[in-house]
Amino acid sequence: MNSFDVLIIGGSAAGLSCALILGSAVNKPFAKDKKIGIITHQKSSALKSAVLNNVLGFKKGTTGDEILESGLVQLSEVYPEVVQIEKEKVTKIEGISPDFTVFTNKNSYKTKMVVVAVGPSNLFNIEGLTKFVVPHHNLPPQKERIMLKNVNHLVFEGVFVAGVLAGHISQYAIAAGSGAQVATDILKIWNHGNITMIHDAIEQ
């Protein structure tokens, strides 16, 4: 059974952003032995049909589908230490912090922390989390979207939620930023409670 320090569920804007930030910290003393994984399920991502003309840094006409594809490549090329798990869908989470088991349609994984970053569909059915499902607070009721009850992205100890499923509106930059916020929250835990941000800089 594979074992992780943190396992991210979902490979769209929030999940990939979270994985990139965590991956960027693997050479830091407080994170050098941490094992990070992401289940890159993207099939139902609303981003697949988006055109991202209003996102800082993206060229006009950039599509969400392109970002999903290039994001996986970026993660594998820049931070190959992050384990990408493809073509699996999470069905169940059980356990308490820091000992969770995440079950998919094909395998099971042990992890100390979980980040749930899948879409807000009302078909959400991950066993162990359904009792936290509520109607989405910030999307029109007619869309029938859901979210997971949370306080500052924390559903309960050891389980975080990111993106639209955390209650944010469905704007790319906001969902991606939510994933990045969760990553820095995890880095703070790893770094003994010290607020932690990872930045690269141009060498002088």
C-alpha atoms as a PDB file:
ATOM      1  CA  MET A   1       0.000   0.000   0.000  1.00  0.00           C
ATOM      2  CA  ASN A   2       1.432   3.400  -1.011  1.00  0.00           C
ATOM      3  CA  SER A   3       1.894   5.882   1.807  1.00  0.00           C
ATOM      4  CA  PHE A   4       1.908   9.694   1.696  1.00  0.00           C
ATOM      5  CA  ASP A   5       2.258  12.666   4.003  1.00  0.00           C
ATOM      6  CA  VAL A   6      -0.402  14.451   1.971  1.00  0.00           C
ATOM      7  CA  LEU A   7      -2.625  13.150  -0.813  1.00  0.00           C
ATOM      8  CA  ILE A   8      -4.469  15.624  -3.050  1.00  0.00           C
ATOM      9  CA  ILE A   9      -7.691  14.481  -4.683  1.00  0.00           C
ATOM     10  CA  GLY A  10      -8.406  16.274  -7.961  1.00  0.00           C
ATOM     11  CA  GLY A  11      -6.200  17.559 -10.768  1.00  0.00           C
ATOM     12  CA  SER A  12      -7.922  20.805 -11.750  1.00  0.00           C
ATOM     13  CA  ALA A  13      -7.047  24.406 -10.800  1.00  0.00           C
ATOM     14  CA  ALA A  14      -7.106  24.020  -7.012  1.00  0.00           C
ATOM     15  CA  GLY A  15      -5.524  20.573  -6.859  1.00  0.00           C
ATOM     16  CA  LEU A  16      -2.703  21.343  -9.275  1.00  0.00           C
ATOM     17  CA  SER A  17      -1.966  24.682  -7.604  1.00  0.00           C
ATOM     18  CA  CYS A  18      -1.764  22.948  -4.240  1.00  0.00           C
ATOM     19  CA  ALA A  19       0.562  20.266  -5.652  1.00  0.00           C
ATOM     20  CA  LEU A  20       2.862  22.848  -7.264  1.00  0.00           C
ATOM     21  CA  ILE A  21       3.298  24.825  -4.039  1.00  0.00           C
ATOM     22  CA  LEU A  22       3.925  21.697  -1.981  1.00  0.00           C
ATOM     23  CA  GLY A  23       6.294  20.362  -4.622  1.00  0.00           C
ATOM     24  CA  SER A  24       8.284  23.590  -4.533  1.00  0.00           C
ATOM     25  CA  ALA A  25       9.059  22.987  -0.842  1.00  0.00           C
ATOM     26  CA  VAL A  26      10.500  19.477  -1.048  1.00  0.00           C
ATOM     27  CA  ASN A  27      14.089  20.720  -0.768  1.00  0.00           C
ATOM     28  CA  LYS A  28      13.395  22.699   2.391  1.00  0.00           C
ATOM     29  CA  PRO A  29      14.617  21.071   5.639  1.00  0.00           C
ATOM     30  CA  PHE A  30      11.089  20.839   7.081  1.00  0.00           C
ATOM     31  CA  ALA A  31       9.715  19.122   3.957  1.00  0.00           C
ATOM     32  CA  LYS A  32      12.625  17.143   2.532  1.00  0.00           C
ATOM     33  CA  ASP A  33      11.293  13.769   3.672  1.00  0.00           C
ATOM     34  CA  LYS A  34       7.627  14.460   2.904  1.00  0.00           C
ATOM     35  CA  LYS A  35       5.870  12.336   0.308  1.00  0.00           C
ATOM     36  CA  ILE A  36       3.246  14.169  -1.733  1.00  0.00           C
ATOM     37  CA  GLY A  37       0.737  12.579  -4.092  1.00  0.00           C
ATOM     38  CA  ILE A  38      -2.067  13.809  -6.329  1.00  0.00           C
ATOM     39  CA  ILE A  39      -4.881  11.792  -7.839  1.00  0.00           C
ATOM     40  CA  THR A  40      -5.188  13.670 -11.107  1.00  0.00           C
ATOM     41  CA  HIS A  41      -8.812  12.897 -11.935  1.00  0.00           C
ATOM     42  CA  GLN A  42      -9.980  15.676 -14.327  1.00  0.00           C
ATOM     43  CA  LYS A  43     -12.869  14.103 -16.223  1.00  0.00           C
ATOM     44  CA  SER A  44     -15.587  16.282 -14.710  1.00  0.00           C
ATOM     45  CA  SER A  45     -13.602  19.522 -14.389  1.00  0.00           C
ATOM     46  CA  ALA A  46     -15.611  22.568 -15.510  1.00  0.00           C
ATOM     47  CA  LEU A  47     -12.281  24.062 -16.558  1.00  0.00           C
ATOM     48  CA  LYS A  48     -12.215  21.812 -19.626  1.00  0.00           C
ATOM     49  CA  SER A  49     -14.714  24.072 -21.425  1.00  0.00           C
ATOM     50  CA  ALA A  50     -13.300  27.446 -20.266  1.00  0.00           C
ATOM     51  CA  VAL A  51     -11.462  30.132 -22.232  1.00  0.00           C
ATOM     52  CA  LEU A  52      -9.236  32.070 -19.839  1.00  0.00           C
ATOM     53  CA  ASN A  53      -8.959  35.522 -21.396  1.00  0.00           C
ATOM     54  CA  ASN A  54      -9.223  37.341 -18.056  1.00  0.00           C
ATOM     55  CA  VAL A  55      -6.486  35.509 -16.119  1.00  0.00           C
ATOM     56  CA  LEU A  56      -3.252  37.377 -15.448  1.00  0.00           C
ATOM     57  CA  GLY A  57      -0.343  35.927 -17.414  1.00  0.00           C
ATOM     58  CA  PHE A  58      -2.375  33.814 -19.848  1.00  0.00           C
ATOM     59  CA  LYS A  59      -2.408  34.639 -23.554  1.00  0.00           C
ATOM     60  CA  LYS A  60      -5.733  35.464 -25.181  1.00  0.00           C
ATOM     61  CA  GLY A  61      -7.513  32.302 -26.238  1.00  0.00           C
ATOM     62  CA  THR A  62      -5.859  30.032 -23.665  1.00  0.00           C
ATOM     63  CA  THR A  63      -8.286  27.238 -22.904  1.00  0.00           C
ATOM     64  CA  GLY A  64      -8.870  25.441 -19.654  1.00  0.00           C
ATOM     65  CA  ASP A  65      -8.189  22.147 -21.368  1.00  0.00           C
ATOM     66  CA  GLU A  66      -4.726  23.419 -22.334  1.00  0.00           C
ATOM     67  CA  ILE A  67      -4.052  24.510 -18.757  1.00  0.00           C
ATOM     68  CA  LEU A  68      -5.104  21.139 -17.360  1.00  0.00           C
ATOM     69  CA  GLU A  69      -2.761  19.344 -19.753  1.00  0.00           C
ATOM     70  CA  SER A  70       0.175  21.737 -19.348  1.00  0.00           C
ATOM     71  CA  GLY A  71      -0.297  21.814 -15.565  1.00  0.00           C
ATOM     72  CA  LEU A  72       0.306  18.083 -15.301  1.00  0.00           C
ATOM     73  CA  VAL A  73       3.407  18.425 -17.488  1.00  0.00           C
ATOM     74  CA  GLN A  74       4.674  21.366 -15.423  1.00  0.00           C
ATOM     75  CA  LEU A  75       4.225  19.413 -12.212  1.00  0.00           C
ATOM     76  CA  SER A  76       6.017  16.340 -13.546  1.00  0.00           C
ATOM     77  CA  GLU A  77       8.908  18.306 -15.078  1.00  0.00           C
ATOM     78  CA  VAL A  78       9.549  20.837 -12.303  1.00  0.00           C
ATOM     79  CA  TYR A  79       8.582  18.776  -9.258  1.00  0.00           C
ATOM     80  CA  PRO A  80       8.898  15.102 -10.244  1.00  0.00           C
ATOM     81  CA  GLU A  81       8.955  14.168  -6.544  1.00  0.00           C
ATOM     82  CA  VAL A  82       5.172  14.690  -6.489  1.00  0.00           C
ATOM     83  CA  VAL A  83       3.595  11.345  -7.337  1.00  0.00           C
ATOM     84  CA  GLN A  84       0.861  11.616  -9.968  1.00  0.00           C
ATOM     85  CA  ILE A  85      -1.815   8.920  -9.827  1.00  0.00           C
ATOM     86  CA  GLU A  86      -3.769   8.718 -13.073  1.00  0.00           C
ATOM     87  CA  LYS A  87      -7.108   7.231 -14.090  1.00  0.00           C
ATOM     88  CA  GLU A  88      -8.367   6.543 -10.591  1.00  0.00           C
ATOM     89  CA  LYS A  89     -11.441   7.936  -8.881  1.00  0.00           C
ATOM     90  CA  VAL A  90     -11.726   8.252  -5.106  1.00  0.00           C
ATOM     91  CA  THR A  91     -14.666   6.402  -3.605  1.00  0.00           C
ATOM     92  CA  LYS A  92     -14.018   6.476   0.144  1.00  0.00           C
ATOM     93  CA  ILE A  93     -11.927   8.092   2.879  1.00  0.00           C
ATOM     94  CA  GLU A  94     -11.706   6.566   6.327  1.00  0.00           C
ATOM     95  CA  GLY A  95      -9.666   7.082   9.472  1.00  0.00           C
ATOM     96  CA  ILE A  96      -8.654   9.982  11.685  1.00  0.00           C
ATOM     97  CA  SER A  97      -5.603  12.244  11.692  1.00  0.00           C
ATOM     98  CA  PRO A  98      -2.847  11.340  11.070  1.00  0.00           C
ATOM     99  CA  ASP A  99      -3.892   7.938   9.754  1.00  0.00           C
ATOM    100  CA  PHE A 100      -6.227   8.040   6.766  1.00  0.00           C
ATOM    101  CA  THR A 101      -6.916   5.465   4.084  1.00  0.00           C
ATOM    102  CA  VAL A 102      -8.068   6.744   0.698  1.00  0.00           C
ATOM    103  CA  PHE A 103      -9.807   4.173  -1.481  1.00  0.00           C
ATOM    104  CA  THR A 104     -10.150   4.490  -5.246  1.00  0.00           C
ATOM    105  CA  ASN A 105     -11.863   2.330  -7.829  1.00  0.00           C
ATOM    106  CA  LYS A 106      -8.517   0.543  -8.277  1.00  0.00           C
ATOM    107  CA  ASN A 107      -6.313   0.929  -5.187  1.00  0.00           C
ATOM    108  CA  SER A 108      -5.999   2.201  -1.630  1.00  0.00           C
ATOM    109  CA  TYR A 109      -3.477   4.640  -0.161  1.00  0.00           C
ATOM    110  CA  LYS A 110      -2.375   5.598   3.350  1.00  0.00           C
ATOM    111  CA  THR A 111      -1.890   9.291   4.056  1.00  0.00           C
ATOM    112  CA  LYS A 112      -1.444  11.609   7.016  1.00  0.00           C
ATOM    113  CA  MET A 113      -3.397  14.469   5.400  1.00  0.00           C
ATOM    114  CA  VAL A 114      -5.927  14.788   2.586  1.00  0.00           C
ATOM    115  CA  VAL A 115      -6.776  17.723   0.308  1.00  0.00           C
ATOM    116  CA  VAL A 116     -10.133  17.358  -1.481  1.00  0.00           C
ATOM    117  CA  ALA A 117     -10.164  19.495  -4.627  1.00  0.00           C
ATOM    118  CA  VAL A 118     -12.803  17.969  -6.884  1.00  0.00           C
ATOM    119  CA  GLY A 119     -15.736  19.780  -8.463  1.00  0.00           C
ATOM    120  CA  PRO A 120     -18.899  20.896  -6.622  1.00  0.00           C
ATOM    121  CA  SER A 121     -21.295  18.556  -8.376  1.00  0.00           C
ATOM    122  CA  ASN A 122     -24.353  17.434  -6.439  1.00  0.00           C
ATOM    123  CA  LEU A 123     -23.325  13.911  -7.465  1.00  0.00           C
ATOM    124  CA  PHE A 124     -20.438  14.097  -4.969  1.00  0.00           C
ATOM    125  CA  ASN A 125     -20.336  10.707  -3.274  1.00  0.00           C
ATOM    126  CA  ILE A 126     -16.993  10.159  -1.537  1.00  0.00           C
ATOM    127  CA  GLU A 127     -17.929   7.956   1.395  1.00  0.00           C
ATOM    128  CA  GLY A 128     -16.726   9.442   4.673  1.00  0.00           C
ATOM    129  CA  LEU A 129     -17.253  13.031   3.523  1.00  0.00           C
ATOM    130  CA  THR A 130     -20.914  13.105   2.497  1.00  0.00           C
ATOM    131  CA  LYS A 131     -22.043  14.172   5.971  1.00  0.00           C
ATOM    132  CA  PHE A 132     -20.182  17.462   5.405  1.00  0.00           C
ATOM    133  CA  VAL A 133     -22.022  18.250   2.145  1.00  0.00           C
ATOM    134  CA  VAL A 134     -24.220  21.374   2.150  1.00  0.00           C
ATOM    135  CA  PRO A 135     -25.702  23.528  -0.625  1.00  0.00           C
ATOM    136  CA  HIS A 136     -23.092  25.895  -2.040  1.00  0.00           C
ATOM    137  CA  HIS A 137     -23.228  29.239  -0.245  1.00  0.00           C
ATOM    138  CA  ASN A 138     -21.913  31.382  -3.105  1.00  0.00           C
ATOM    139  CA  LEU A 139     -23.376  29.948  -6.298  1.00  0.00           C
ATOM    140  CA  PRO A 140     -26.944  30.374  -7.602  1.00  0.00           C
ATOM    141  CA  PRO A 141     -29.298  27.745  -6.118  1.00  0.00           C
ATOM    142  CA  GLN A 142     -30.524  26.740  -9.568  1.00  0.00           C
ATOM    143  CA  LYS A 143     -27.033  25.418 -10.371  1.00  0.00           C
ATOM    144  CA  GLU A 144     -27.509  22.802  -7.637  1.00  0.00           C
ATOM    145  CA  ARG A 145     -23.857  22.935  -6.590  1.00  0.00           C
ATOM    146  CA  ILE A 146     -22.570  21.720  -3.246  1.00  0.00           C
ATOM    147  CA  MET A 147     -19.651  22.448  -0.947  1.00  0.00           C
ATOM    148  CA  LEU A 148     -18.068  20.808   2.073  1.00  0.00           C
ATOM    149  CA  LYS A 149     -18.559  22.546   5.412  1.00  0.00           C
ATOM    150  CA  ASN A 150     -15.202  23.930   6.482  1.00  0.00           C
ATOM    151  CA  VAL A 151     -13.447  26.570   8.535  1.00  0.00           C
ATOM    152  CA  ASN A 152     -10.669  28.244   6.560  1.00  0.00           C
ATOM    153  CA  HIS A 153     -10.473  25.213   4.244  1.00  0.00           C
ATOM    154  CA  LEU A 154     -10.299  22.700   7.104  1.00  0.00           C
ATOM    155  CA  VAL A 155     -13.152  20.162   7.112  1.00  0.00           C
ATOM    156  CA  PHE A 156     -11.790  18.376  10.157  1.00  0.00           C
ATOM    157  CA  GLU A 157      -8.314  17.681  11.468  1.00  0.00           C
ATOM    158  CA  GLY A 158      -6.146  16.400   8.650  1.00  0.00           C
ATOM    159  CA  VAL A 159      -8.713  16.906   5.863  1.00  0.00           C
ATOM    160  CA  PHE A 160      -8.702  20.111   3.811  1.00  0.00           C
ATOM    161  CA  VAL A 161     -10.969  21.218   0.984  1.00  0.00           C
ATOM    162  CA  ALA A 162      -9.937  23.580  -1.823  1.00  0.00           C
ATOM    163  CA  GLY A 163     -11.464  25.352  -4.795  1.00  0.00           C
ATOM    164  CA  VAL A 164     -15.159  25.740  -5.522  1.00  0.00           C
ATOM    165  CA  LEU A 165     -15.896  22.766  -3.263  1.00  0.00           C
ATOM    166  CA  ALA A 166     -14.595  24.896  -0.360  1.00  0.00           C
ATOM    167  CA  GLY A 167     -17.309  27.475  -0.994  1.00  0.00           C
ATOM    168  CA  HIS A 168     -15.507  29.791  -3.402  1.00  0.00           C
ATOM    169  CA  ILE A 169     -17.084  31.096  -6.576  1.00  0.00           C
ATOM    170  CA  SER A 170     -16.164  29.402  -9.838  1.00  0.00           C
ATOM    171  CA  GLN A 171     -13.506  31.851 -11.021  1.00  0.00           C
ATOM    172  CA  TYR A 172     -10.232  30.243 -12.113  1.00  0.00           C
ATOM    173  CA  ALA A 173      -7.910  32.574 -10.229  1.00  0.00           C
ATOM    174  CA  ILE A 174      -9.908  32.177  -7.013  1.00  0.00           C
ATOM    175  CA  ALA A 175      -9.994  28.380  -7.220  1.00  0.00           C
ATOM    176  CA  ALA A 176      -6.258  28.227  -7.965  1.00  0.00           C
ATOM    177  CA  GLY A 177      -5.520  30.629  -5.122  1.00  0.00           C
ATOM    178  CA  SER A 178      -7.560  28.482  -2.760  1.00  0.00           C
ATOM    179  CA  GLY A 179      -5.377  25.480  -3.577  1.00  0.00           C
ATOM    180  CA  ALA A 180      -2.253  27.554  -3.008  1.00  0.00           C
ATOM    181  CA  GLN A 181      -3.615  28.745   0.353  1.00  0.00           C
ATOM    182  CA  VAL A 182      -4.223  25.172   1.486  1.00  0.00           C
ATOM    183  CA  ALA A 183      -0.673  24.263   0.469  1.00  0.00           C
ATOM    184  CA  THR A 184       0.803  27.075   2.557  1.00  0.00           C
ATOM    185  CA  ASP A 185      -1.392  26.021   5.478  1.00  0.00           C
ATOM    186  CA  ILE A 186       0.121  22.535   5.214  1.00  0.00           C
ATOM    187  CA  LEU A 187       3.629  23.969   4.932  1.00  0.00           C
ATOM    188  CA  LYS A 188       2.968  25.916   8.136  1.00  0.00           C
ATOM    189  CA  ILE A 189       2.093  22.656   9.893  1.00  0.00           C
ATOM    190  CA  TRP A 190       5.230  20.984   8.570  1.00  0.00           C
ATOM    191  CA  ASN A 191       7.330  24.012   9.551  1.00  0.00           C
ATOM    192  CA  HIS A 192       6.391  23.811  13.254  1.00  0.00           C
ATOM    193  CA  GLY A 193       3.678  26.467  13.074  1.00  0.00           C
ATOM    194  CA  ASN A 194       5.776  29.077  11.279  1.00  0.00           C
ATOM    195  CA  ILE A 195       4.013  30.920   8.439  1.00  0.00           C
ATOM    196  CA  THR A 196       5.698  29.617   5.291  1.00  0.00           C
ATOM    197  CA  MET A 197       5.770  30.869   1.706  1.00  0.00           C
ATOM    198  CA  ILE A 198       7.982  29.451  -1.034  1.00  0.00           C
ATOM    199  CA  HIS A 199       9.327  31.878  -3.634  1.00  0.00           C
ATOM    200  CA  ASP A 200      11.929  31.440  -6.335  1.00  0.00           C
ATOM    201  CA  ALA A 201      13.997  34.485  -7.270  1.00  0.00           C
ATOM    202  CA  ILE A 202      16.210  35.586 -10.128  1.00  0.00           C
ATOM    203  CA  GLU A 203      19.835  35.097  -9.167  1.00  0.00           C
ATOM    204  CA  GLN A 204      21.808  38.345  -9.074  1.00  0.00           C
END
